[in-house]
Amino acid sequence: MSRKSRGKKINFIFPSVAVQMSGFLSFFIILKN
């Protein structure tokens, strides 16, 4: 049970970090242009 919740936590954190990174990249590209 604890292992399952741990995996769920990782699956929740990883996408949020990816979204943050993609948002930062798009913001940087807009500034560059």
C-alpha atoms as a PDB file:
ATOM      1  CA  MET A   1       0.000   0.000   0.000  1.00  0.00           C
ATOM      2  CA  SER A   2       2.761   2.462   0.951  1.00  0.00           C
ATOM      3  CA  ARG A   3       4.634   1.624  -2.266  1.00  0.00           C
ATOM      4  CA  LYS A   4       1.528   2.388  -4.332  1.00  0.00           C
ATOM      5  CA  SER A   5       1.002   5.773  -2.641  1.00  0.00           C
ATOM      6  CA  ARG A   6       4.687   6.545  -3.151  1.00  0.00           C
ATOM      7  CA  GLY A   7       4.402   5.883  -6.891  1.00  0.00           C
ATOM      8  CA  LYS A   8       1.269   8.030  -7.024  1.00  0.00           C
ATOM      9  CA  LYS A   9       3.176  10.899  -5.388  1.00  0.00           C
ATOM     10  CA  ILE A  10       5.992  10.658  -7.969  1.00  0.00           C
ATOM     11  CA  ASN A  11       3.460  10.526 -10.816  1.00  0.00           C
ATOM     12  CA  PHE A  12       1.841  13.685  -9.401  1.00  0.00           C
ATOM     13  CA  ILE A  13       5.087  15.637  -8.862  1.00  0.00           C
ATOM     14  CA  PHE A  14       6.754  14.776 -12.201  1.00  0.00           C
ATOM     15  CA  PRO A  15       4.028  16.214 -14.508  1.00  0.00           C
ATOM     16  CA  SER A  16       3.867  19.453 -12.502  1.00  0.00           C
ATOM     17  CA  VAL A  17       7.642  19.883 -12.870  1.00  0.00           C
ATOM     18  CA  ALA A  18       7.393  19.151 -16.616  1.00  0.00           C
ATOM     19  CA  VAL A  19       4.619  21.752 -16.983  1.00  0.00           C
ATOM     20  CA  GLN A  20       6.699  24.283 -15.034  1.00  0.00           C
ATOM     21  CA  MET A  21       9.730  23.627 -17.260  1.00  0.00           C
ATOM     22  CA  SER A  22       7.704  23.871 -20.499  1.00  0.00           C
ATOM     23  CA  GLY A  23       6.126  27.105 -19.275  1.00  0.00           C
ATOM     24  CA  PHE A  24       9.560  28.533 -18.451  1.00  0.00           C
ATOM     25  CA  LEU A  25      10.907  27.491 -21.874  1.00  0.00           C
ATOM     26  CA  SER A  26       7.972  29.098 -23.702  1.00  0.00           C
ATOM     27  CA  PHE A  27       8.428  32.274 -21.622  1.00  0.00           C
ATOM     28  CA  PHE A  28      12.153  32.333 -22.468  1.00  0.00           C
ATOM     29  CA  ILE A  29      11.407  31.862 -26.185  1.00  0.00           C
ATOM     30  CA  ILE A  30       8.893  34.737 -26.076  1.00  0.00           C
ATOM     31  CA  LEU A  31      11.502  36.975 -24.408  1.00  0.00           C
ATOM     32  CA  LYS A  32      14.133  35.964 -26.976  1.00  0.00           C
ATOM     33  CA  ASN A  33      11.808  36.875 -29.835  1.00  0.00           C
END
